[in-house]
Amino acid sequence: MNSTSLNPDRPRAYRVGDFCRLYGVGRTSVYKMLKQGKLPSVTIGGRRVIPADAAESLLTGGRK
C-alpha cells in the first residue's frame, strides 16, 4: 500500500503550478526535470500532472 492510499485528504497528483507552490520550485525547473526524466508525470484530460508519490520520491532521493 502506498502513502497516498493511507490519507484520502491528500491529493494523488499535482498540477505543475500546484507542485511548484507546494514544493517551492520554479516552473522552468519542473519542466526541466520532467524533460530529463527525473520527475515522472502523466497526462490526464490534456493536463500534465505529477503523481504525489513521484513528488515525495524526488524529495527523499528515491527512498521510501
PDB file of N, CA and C in Angstrom:
ATOM      1  N   MET A   1       0.843  -1.171   0.000  1.00  0.00           N
ATOM      2  CA  MET A   1       0.000   0.000   0.000  1.00  0.00           C
ATOM      3  C   MET A   1       0.890   1.237   0.000  1.00  0.00           C
ATOM      4  N   ASN A   2       0.589   2.215  -0.861  1.00  0.00           N
ATOM      5  CA  ASN A   2       1.422   3.409  -0.896  1.00  0.00           C
ATOM      6  C   ASN A   2       0.896   4.469   0.061  1.00  0.00           C
ATOM      7  N   SER A   3       1.665   5.521   0.254  1.00  0.00           N
ATOM      8  CA  SER A   3       1.338   6.537   1.253  1.00  0.00           C
ATOM      9  C   SER A   3       0.083   7.326   0.907  1.00  0.00           C
ATOM     10  N   THR A   4      -0.237   7.482  -0.381  1.00  0.00           N
ATOM     11  CA  THR A   4      -1.415   8.261  -0.739  1.00  0.00           C
ATOM     12  C   THR A   4      -2.698   7.521  -0.432  1.00  0.00           C
ATOM     13  N   SER A   5      -2.680   6.206  -0.433  1.00  0.00           N
ATOM     14  CA  SER A   5      -3.899   5.460  -0.143  1.00  0.00           C
ATOM     15  C   SER A   5      -4.220   5.494   1.344  1.00  0.00           C
ATOM     16  N   LEU A   6      -3.261   5.873   2.179  1.00  0.00           N
ATOM     17  CA  LEU A   6      -3.484   5.943   3.617  1.00  0.00           C
ATOM     18  C   LEU A   6      -4.195   7.226   4.025  1.00  0.00           C
ATOM     19  N   ASN A   7      -4.090   8.267   3.241  1.00  0.00           N
ATOM     20  CA  ASN A   7      -4.680   9.557   3.578  1.00  0.00           C
ATOM     21  C   ASN A   7      -5.555  10.032   2.425  1.00  0.00           C
ATOM     22  N   PRO A   8      -6.874   9.837   2.527  1.00  0.00           N
ATOM     23  CA  PRO A   8      -7.758  10.224   1.422  1.00  0.00           C
ATOM     24  C   PRO A   8      -7.840  11.735   1.217  1.00  0.00           C
ATOM     25  N   ASP A   9      -7.399  12.545   2.185  1.00  0.00           N
ATOM     26  CA  ASP A   9      -7.437  14.001   2.041  1.00  0.00           C
ATOM     27  C   ASP A   9      -6.262  14.540   1.236  1.00  0.00           C
ATOM     28  N   ARG A  10      -5.234  13.749   1.086  1.00  0.00           N
ATOM     29  CA  ARG A  10      -4.044  14.167   0.348  1.00  0.00           C
ATOM     30  C   ARG A  10      -4.255  13.951  -1.149  1.00  0.00           C
ATOM     31  N   PRO A  11      -3.902  14.951  -1.978  1.00  0.00           N
ATOM     32  CA  PRO A  11      -4.047  14.774  -3.425  1.00  0.00           C
ATOM     33  C   PRO A  11      -3.201  13.609  -3.925  1.00  0.00           C
ATOM     34  N   ARG A  12      -3.698  12.909  -4.918  1.00  0.00           N
ATOM     35  CA  ARG A  12      -2.937  11.801  -5.511  1.00  0.00           C
ATOM     36  C   ARG A  12      -2.007  12.292  -6.599  1.00  0.00           C
ATOM     37  N   ALA A  13      -2.257  13.509  -7.111  1.00  0.00           N
ATOM     38  CA  ALA A  13      -1.415  14.102  -8.152  1.00  0.00           C
ATOM     39  C   ALA A  13      -1.534  15.619  -8.066  1.00  0.00           C
ATOM     40  N   TYR A  14      -0.509  16.301  -8.557  1.00  0.00           N
ATOM     41  CA  TYR A  14      -0.468  17.760  -8.530  1.00  0.00           C
ATOM     42  C   TYR A  14      -0.326  18.309  -9.940  1.00  0.00           C
ATOM     43  N   ARG A  15      -1.060  19.377 -10.243  1.00  0.00           N
ATOM     44  CA  ARG A  15      -0.807  20.105 -11.478  1.00  0.00           C
ATOM     45  C   ARG A  15       0.540  20.797 -11.300  1.00  0.00           C
ATOM     46  N   VAL A  16       1.179  21.143 -12.396  1.00  0.00           N
ATOM     47  CA  VAL A  16       2.528  21.707 -12.339  1.00  0.00           C
ATOM     48  C   VAL A  16       2.568  22.958 -11.450  1.00  0.00           C
ATOM     49  N   GLY A  17       1.611  23.861 -11.600  1.00  0.00           N
ATOM     50  CA  GLY A  17       1.584  25.082 -10.789  1.00  0.00           C
ATOM     51  C   GLY A  17       1.433  24.786  -9.308  1.00  0.00           C
ATOM     52  N   ASP A  18       0.575  23.829  -8.985  1.00  0.00           N
ATOM     53  CA  ASP A  18       0.381  23.444  -7.584  1.00  0.00           C
ATOM     54  C   ASP A  18       1.649  22.815  -7.018  1.00  0.00           C
ATOM     55  N   PHE A  19       2.291  21.971  -7.820  1.00  0.00           N
ATOM     56  CA  PHE A  19       3.545  21.345  -7.409  1.00  0.00           C
ATOM     57  C   PHE A  19       4.600  22.418  -7.113  1.00  0.00           C
ATOM     58  N   CYS A  20       4.697  23.417  -7.994  1.00  0.00           N
ATOM     59  CA  CYS A  20       5.680  24.492  -7.809  1.00  0.00           C
ATOM     60  C   CYS A  20       5.449  25.226  -6.496  1.00  0.00           C
ATOM     61  N   ARG A  21       4.203  25.581  -6.213  1.00  0.00           N
ATOM     62  CA  ARG A  21       3.903  26.294  -4.969  1.00  0.00           C
ATOM     63  C   ARG A  21       4.169  25.430  -3.744  1.00  0.00           C
ATOM     64  N   LEU A  22       3.733  24.192  -3.797  1.00  0.00           N
ATOM     65  CA  LEU A  22       3.860  23.300  -2.650  1.00  0.00           C
ATOM     66  C   LEU A  22       5.312  22.958  -2.325  1.00  0.00           C
ATOM     67  N   TYR A  23       6.113  22.709  -3.366  1.00  0.00           N
ATOM     68  CA  TYR A  23       7.488  22.282  -3.163  1.00  0.00           C
ATOM     69  C   TYR A  23       8.517  23.406  -3.314  1.00  0.00           C
ATOM     70  N   GLY A  24       8.044  24.620  -3.619  1.00  0.00           N
ATOM     71  CA  GLY A  24       8.931  25.776  -3.669  1.00  0.00           C
ATOM     72  C   GLY A  24       9.946  25.760  -4.797  1.00  0.00           C
ATOM     73  N   VAL A  25       9.524  25.281  -5.956  1.00  0.00           N
ATOM     74  CA  VAL A  25      10.404  25.270  -7.126  1.00  0.00           C
ATOM     75  C   VAL A  25       9.735  26.019  -8.274  1.00  0.00           C
ATOM     76  N   GLY A  26      10.527  26.508  -9.193  1.00  0.00           N
ATOM     77  CA  GLY A  26      10.004  27.260 -10.325  1.00  0.00           C
ATOM     78  C   GLY A  26       9.521  26.352 -11.450  1.00  0.00           C
ATOM     79  N   ARG A  27       8.635  26.894 -12.271  1.00  0.00           N
ATOM     80  CA  ARG A  27       8.075  26.146 -13.402  1.00  0.00           C
ATOM     81  C   ARG A  27       9.172  25.656 -14.351  1.00  0.00           C
ATOM     82  N   THR A  28      10.138  26.529 -14.618  1.00  0.00           N
ATOM     83  CA  THR A  28      11.213  26.157 -15.536  1.00  0.00           C
ATOM     84  C   THR A  28      11.973  24.946 -14.998  1.00  0.00           C
ATOM     85  N   SER A  29      12.256  24.953 -13.713  1.00  0.00           N
ATOM     86  CA  SER A  29      12.961  23.818 -13.101  1.00  0.00           C
ATOM     87  C   SER A  29      12.133  22.547 -13.187  1.00  0.00           C
ATOM     88  N   VAL A  30      10.836  22.661 -12.950  1.00  0.00           N
ATOM     89  CA  VAL A  30       9.969  21.484 -13.006  1.00  0.00           C
ATOM     90  C   VAL A  30       9.936  20.919 -14.413  1.00  0.00           C
ATOM     91  N   TYR A  31       9.734  21.775 -15.410  1.00  0.00           N
ATOM     92  CA  TYR A  31       9.695  21.277 -16.786  1.00  0.00           C
ATOM     93  C   TYR A  31      11.040  20.698 -17.214  1.00  0.00           C
ATOM     94  N   LYS A  32      12.129  21.239 -16.692  1.00  0.00           N
ATOM     95  CA  LYS A  32      13.451  20.683 -16.987  1.00  0.00           C
ATOM     96  C   LYS A  32      13.578  19.273 -16.392  1.00  0.00           C
ATOM     97  N   MET A  33      13.123  19.100 -15.133  1.00  0.00           N
ATOM     98  CA  MET A  33      13.165  17.771 -14.508  1.00  0.00           C
ATOM     99  C   MET A  33      12.262  16.786 -15.246  1.00  0.00           C
ATOM    100  N   LEU A  34      11.105  17.264 -15.712  1.00  0.00           N
ATOM    101  CA  LEU A  34      10.198  16.398 -16.475  1.00  0.00           C
ATOM    102  C   LEU A  34      10.864  15.949 -17.780  1.00  0.00           C
ATOM    103  N   LYS A  35      11.482  16.894 -18.469  1.00  0.00           N
ATOM    104  CA  LYS A  35      12.142  16.583 -19.744  1.00  0.00           C
ATOM    105  C   LYS A  35      13.307  15.611 -19.561  1.00  0.00           C
ATOM    106  N   GLN A  36      14.045  15.766 -18.453  1.00  0.00           N
ATOM    107  CA  GLN A  36      15.193  14.906 -18.176  1.00  0.00           C
ATOM    108  C   GLN A  36      14.776  13.544 -17.626  1.00  0.00           C
ATOM    109  N   GLY A  37      13.504  13.382 -17.308  1.00  0.00           N
ATOM    110  CA  GLY A  37      13.026  12.116 -16.764  1.00  0.00           C
ATOM    111  C   GLY A  37      13.273  11.972 -15.270  1.00  0.00           C
ATOM    112  N   LYS A  38      13.662  13.045 -14.606  1.00  0.00           N
ATOM    113  CA  LYS A  38      13.911  12.993 -13.167  1.00  0.00           C
ATOM    114  C   LYS A  38      12.622  13.056 -12.358  1.00  0.00           C
ATOM    115  N   LEU A  39      11.563  13.550 -12.989  1.00  0.00           N
ATOM    116  CA  LEU A  39      10.269  13.695 -12.333  1.00  0.00           C
ATOM    117  C   LEU A  39       9.198  13.130 -13.261  1.00  0.00           C
ATOM    118  N   PRO A  40       8.590  12.012 -12.909  1.00  0.00           N
ATOM    119  CA  PRO A  40       7.574  11.420 -13.761  1.00  0.00           C
ATOM    120  C   PRO A  40       6.277  12.239 -13.759  1.00  0.00           C
ATOM    121  N   SER A  41       5.536  12.121 -14.837  1.00  0.00           N
ATOM    122  CA  SER A  41       4.240  12.773 -14.924  1.00  0.00           C
ATOM    123  C   SER A  41       3.327  11.946 -15.810  1.00  0.00           C
ATOM    124  N   VAL A  42       2.055  12.258 -15.736  1.00  0.00           N
ATOM    125  CA  VAL A  42       1.062  11.651 -16.622  1.00  0.00           C
ATOM    126  C   VAL A  42       0.183  12.769 -17.166  1.00  0.00           C
ATOM    127  N   THR A  43      -0.412  12.524 -18.314  1.00  0.00           N
ATOM    128  CA  THR A  43      -1.327  13.495 -18.890  1.00  0.00           C
ATOM    129  C   THR A  43      -2.740  12.969 -18.729  1.00  0.00           C
ATOM    130  N   ILE A  44      -3.571  13.784 -18.113  1.00  0.00           N
ATOM    131  CA  ILE A  44      -4.967  13.425 -17.895  1.00  0.00           C
ATOM    132  C   ILE A  44      -5.819  14.582 -18.415  1.00  0.00           C
ATOM    133  N   GLY A  45      -6.665  14.303 -19.369  1.00  0.00           N
ATOM    134  CA  GLY A  45      -7.532  15.344 -19.917  1.00  0.00           C
ATOM    135  C   GLY A  45      -6.770  16.525 -20.479  1.00  0.00           C
ATOM    136  N   GLY A  46      -5.612  16.283 -21.068  1.00  0.00           N
ATOM    137  CA  GLY A  46      -4.815  17.349 -21.655  1.00  0.00           C
ATOM    138  C   GLY A  46      -3.949  18.108 -20.665  1.00  0.00           C
ATOM    139  N   ARG A  47      -4.014  17.737 -19.393  1.00  0.00           N
ATOM    140  CA  ARG A  47      -3.187  18.393 -18.377  1.00  0.00           C
ATOM    141  C   ARG A  47      -2.119  17.445 -17.877  1.00  0.00           C
ATOM    142  N   ARG A  48      -0.938  17.984 -17.701  1.00  0.00           N
ATOM    143  CA  ARG A  48       0.149  17.190 -17.144  1.00  0.00           C
ATOM    144  C   ARG A  48       0.065  17.272 -15.631  1.00  0.00           C
ATOM    145  N   VAL A  49       0.085  16.128 -14.987  1.00  0.00           N
ATOM    146  CA  VAL A  49       0.068  16.091 -13.526  1.00  0.00           C
ATOM    147  C   VAL A  49       1.222  15.232 -13.035  1.00  0.00           C
ATOM    148  N   ILE A  50       1.671  15.552 -11.832  1.00  0.00           N
ATOM    149  CA  ILE A  50       2.779  14.850 -11.206  1.00  0.00           C
ATOM    150  C   ILE A  50       2.205  14.017 -10.066  1.00  0.00           C
ATOM    151  N   PRO A  51       2.339  12.694 -10.146  1.00  0.00           N
ATOM    152  CA  PRO A  51       1.826  11.857  -9.055  1.00  0.00           C
ATOM    153  C   PRO A  51       2.479  12.226  -7.723  1.00  0.00           C
ATOM    154  N   ALA A  52       1.698  12.224  -6.657  1.00  0.00           N
ATOM    155  CA  ALA A  52       2.201  12.594  -5.332  1.00  0.00           C
ATOM    156  C   ALA A  52       3.358  11.698  -4.912  1.00  0.00           C
ATOM    157  N   ASP A  53       3.287  10.417  -5.230  1.00  0.00           N
ATOM    158  CA  ASP A  53       4.378   9.506  -4.867  1.00  0.00           C
ATOM    159  C   ASP A  53       5.679   9.889  -5.572  1.00  0.00           C
ATOM    160  N   ALA A  54       5.572  10.360  -6.818  1.00  0.00           N
ATOM    161  CA  ALA A  54       6.769  10.783  -7.554  1.00  0.00           C
ATOM    162  C   ALA A  54       7.370  12.031  -6.924  1.00  0.00           C
ATOM    163  N   ALA A  55       6.506  12.941  -6.466  1.00  0.00           N
ATOM    164  CA  ALA A  55       6.979  14.156  -5.823  1.00  0.00           C
ATOM    165  C   ALA A  55       7.719  13.812  -4.529  1.00  0.00           C
ATOM    166  N   GLU A  56       7.153  12.946  -3.726  1.00  0.00           N
ATOM    167  CA  GLU A  56       7.790  12.547  -2.469  1.00  0.00           C
ATOM    168  C   GLU A  56       9.098  11.800  -2.730  1.00  0.00           C
ATOM    169  N   SER A  57       9.098  10.972  -3.755  1.00  0.00           N
ATOM    170  CA  SER A  57      10.294  10.225  -4.100  1.00  0.00           C
ATOM    171  C   SER A  57      11.431  11.166  -4.501  1.00  0.00           C
ATOM    172  N   LEU A  58      11.079  12.233  -5.182  1.00  0.00           N
ATOM    173  CA  LEU A  58      12.085  13.232  -5.572  1.00  0.00           C
ATOM    174  C   LEU A  58      12.734  13.831  -4.331  1.00  0.00           C
ATOM    175  N   LEU A  59      11.929  14.126  -3.325  1.00  0.00           N
ATOM    176  CA  LEU A  59      12.453  14.736  -2.103  1.00  0.00           C
ATOM    177  C   LEU A  59      13.315  13.768  -1.294  1.00  0.00           C
ATOM    178  N   THR A  60      12.951  12.517  -1.316  1.00  0.00           N
ATOM    179  CA  THR A  60      13.674  11.535  -0.499  1.00  0.00           C
ATOM    180  C   THR A  60      14.801  10.852  -1.266  1.00  0.00           C
ATOM    181  N   GLY A  61      15.008  11.257  -2.497  1.00  0.00           N
ATOM    182  CA  GLY A  61      16.056  10.661  -3.305  1.00  0.00           C
ATOM    183  C   GLY A  61      15.752   9.228  -3.710  1.00  0.00           C
ATOM    184  N   GLY A  62      14.465   8.901  -3.817  1.00  0.00           N
ATOM    185  CA  GLY A  62      14.059   7.551  -4.238  1.00  0.00           C
ATOM    186  C   GLY A  62      13.825   6.595  -3.094  1.00  0.00           C
ATOM    187  N   ARG A  63      14.127   7.030  -1.863  1.00  0.00           N
ATOM    188  CA  ARG A  63      13.892   6.165  -0.701  1.00  0.00           C
ATOM    189  C   ARG A  63      12.470   6.371  -0.195  1.00  0.00           C
ATOM    190  N   LYS A  64      11.870   5.326   0.332  1.00  0.00           N
ATOM    191  CA  LYS A  64      10.524   5.454   0.916  1.00  0.00           C
ATOM    192  C   LYS A  64      10.573   5.326   2.394  1.00  0.00           C
TER     193      LYS A  64
END
